[in-house]
């Protein structure tokens, strides 16, 4: 069975920390928040069996491109969103081969990436017969 090697709860925390750090750098550089504030609360949730929920808040309703790429930068999925304040998409990644992938969200010059790996693990077990 394929297992996602990346623990998404930890990854969401890292993305949130990176987002907060970027906001602080933008404030320090210009005295105001830059356009990185276009994205809020980017989250990726593991729904089990290699199914994931990607959610992004887009309070300014700006045209936003969401895509999934493999390690060779081939785009496996892309979609634009601009009409709603919140974008939610469910992904079934069970058909992807083992390897490295990236979720990318971009609006204008702002871009956020979420890297993850898929790997197959084999579990071998011994069961003794009861005689």
Protein backbone atom coordinates (compact mmCIF):
# COMPACT_ATOMS: atom_id res chain seq x y z
CA UNK A 1 0.00 0.00 0.00
CA UNK A 2 1.28 3.45 -0.84
CA UNK A 3 1.97 5.74 2.13
CA UNK A 4 2.69 9.42 2.07
CA UNK A 5 6.11 9.94 3.65
CA UNK A 6 5.36 13.51 4.60
CA UNK A 7 3.43 14.19 7.79
CA UNK A 8 1.06 16.89 6.61
CA UNK A 9 0.21 18.22 10.04
CA UNK A 10 3.86 19.13 10.55
CA UNK A 11 4.06 20.48 7.03
CA UNK A 12 1.04 22.73 7.59
CA UNK A 13 2.78 24.12 10.67
CA UNK A 14 5.92 24.78 8.62
CA UNK A 15 3.93 26.51 5.89
CA UNK A 16 2.15 28.63 8.50
CA UNK A 17 5.48 29.54 10.10
CA UNK A 18 6.96 30.41 6.68
CA UNK A 19 3.91 32.52 5.88
CA UNK A 20 4.21 34.37 9.20
CA UNK A 21 7.93 34.91 8.70
CA UNK A 22 7.30 36.27 5.18
CA UNK A 23 4.69 38.66 6.54
CA UNK A 24 7.19 39.94 9.15
CA UNK A 25 9.86 40.48 6.50
CA UNK A 26 7.41 42.34 4.28
CA UNK A 27 6.42 44.63 7.18
CA UNK A 28 10.03 45.31 8.14
CA UNK A 29 11.06 46.13 4.58
CA UNK A 30 8.30 48.55 3.68
CA UNK A 31 6.42 49.42 6.85
CA UNK A 32 3.28 47.77 5.46
CA UNK A 33 2.15 44.30 4.51
CA UNK A 34 3.06 43.33 0.95
CA UNK A 35 0.81 41.44 -1.42
CA UNK A 36 1.84 38.12 0.20
CA UNK A 37 -1.27 38.73 2.31
CA UNK A 38 -3.24 37.54 -0.75
CA UNK A 39 -3.06 34.01 0.70
CA UNK A 40 -4.18 33.06 4.17
CA UNK A 41 -4.44 29.76 5.97
CA UNK A 42 -3.05 27.46 3.28
CA UNK A 43 -3.73 23.98 4.58
CA UNK A 44 -3.31 20.44 3.33
CA UNK A 45 -5.16 17.72 5.25
CA UNK A 46 -4.63 13.98 4.96
CA UNK A 47 -8.03 12.36 4.40
CA UNK A 48 -6.58 8.81 4.30
CA UNK A 49 -5.79 6.42 1.44
CA UNK A 50 -3.71 9.08 -0.36
CA UNK A 51 -6.63 11.50 -0.53
CA UNK A 52 -5.95 15.09 0.51
CA UNK A 53 -7.86 18.31 0.98
CA UNK A 54 -6.17 21.55 -0.10
CA UNK A 55 -7.74 24.75 1.25
CA UNK A 56 -6.71 28.38 0.72
CA UNK A 57 -8.33 31.57 1.88
CA UNK A 58 -8.32 34.28 -0.79
CA UNK A 59 -9.92 37.29 0.95
CA UNK A 60 -9.19 39.67 -1.93
CA UNK A 61 -10.69 37.23 -4.46
CA UNK A 62 -7.66 37.61 -6.73
CA UNK A 63 -7.04 35.28 -9.66
CA UNK A 64 -5.11 32.40 -8.15
CA UNK A 65 -3.53 29.44 -9.92
CA UNK A 66 -3.34 26.12 -8.11
CA UNK A 67 -1.32 23.29 -9.60
CA UNK A 68 0.38 19.99 -8.85
CA UNK A 69 3.79 19.22 -10.35
CA UNK A 70 6.11 16.23 -10.38
CA UNK A 71 9.89 16.42 -9.81
CA UNK A 72 10.49 17.06 -13.53
CA UNK A 73 8.17 20.11 -13.32
CA UNK A 74 5.46 18.43 -15.38
CA UNK A 75 2.10 19.93 -14.46
CA UNK A 76 -0.26 17.11 -13.47
CA UNK A 77 -3.17 19.35 -12.46
CA UNK A 78 -3.91 23.05 -12.76
CA UNK A 79 -6.90 25.22 -12.03
CA UNK A 80 -7.69 28.90 -11.56
CA UNK A 81 -9.77 30.30 -8.73
CA UNK A 82 -10.85 33.90 -8.19
CA UNK A 83 -14.56 34.04 -7.55
CA UNK A 84 -14.65 32.86 -3.96
CA UNK A 85 -12.94 33.82 -0.74
CA UNK A 86 -12.10 30.19 0.01
CA UNK A 87 -10.78 27.54 -2.38
CA UNK A 88 -11.19 23.89 -1.41
CA UNK A 89 -10.16 20.97 -3.58
CA UNK A 90 -9.94 17.25 -2.82
CA UNK A 91 -7.13 15.29 -4.47
CA UNK A 92 -6.90 11.54 -4.93
CA UNK A 93 -3.18 10.87 -5.34
CA UNK A 94 -3.44 7.07 -5.24
CA UNK A 95 -2.73 6.83 -8.98
CA UNK A 96 0.60 8.67 -8.74
CA UNK A 97 3.85 6.72 -8.90
CA UNK A 98 6.37 6.86 -6.08
CA UNK A 99 8.31 10.11 -6.23
CA UNK A 100 8.48 13.77 -5.26
CA UNK A 101 5.65 16.20 -5.97
CA UNK A 102 4.73 19.81 -5.22
CA UNK A 103 1.47 21.67 -4.69
CA UNK A 104 1.90 25.27 -5.91
CA UNK A 105 -0.40 28.24 -5.29
CA UNK A 106 0.38 31.54 -6.99
CA UNK A 107 -1.25 34.90 -7.49
CA UNK A 108 0.68 37.57 -9.35
CA UNK A 109 4.24 37.51 -8.01
CA UNK A 110 3.28 35.64 -4.85
CA UNK A 111 3.95 31.89 -4.79
CA UNK A 112 3.68 29.23 -2.09
CA UNK A 113 4.90 25.66 -2.51
CA UNK A 114 4.14 22.50 -0.59
CA UNK A 115 6.52 19.61 -1.32
CA UNK A 116 5.67 15.99 -0.54
CA UNK A 117 6.85 12.48 -1.39
CA UNK A 118 4.97 9.29 -2.12
CA UNK A 119 6.68 5.99 -1.39
CA UNK A 120 5.60 2.38 -1.31
CA UNK A 121 6.44 0.42 1.81
CA UNK A 122 6.19 -3.32 2.07
CA UNK A 123 5.37 -4.91 5.39
CA UNK A 124 6.41 -8.52 5.94
CA UNK A 125 4.95 -10.43 8.82
CA UNK A 126 5.09 -13.98 10.16
CA UNK A 127 2.05 -15.67 11.64
CA UNK A 128 2.43 -18.96 13.45
CA UNK A 129 -0.30 -21.53 13.01
CA UNK A 130 -1.86 -22.74 16.22
CA UNK A 131 -1.38 -26.53 16.45
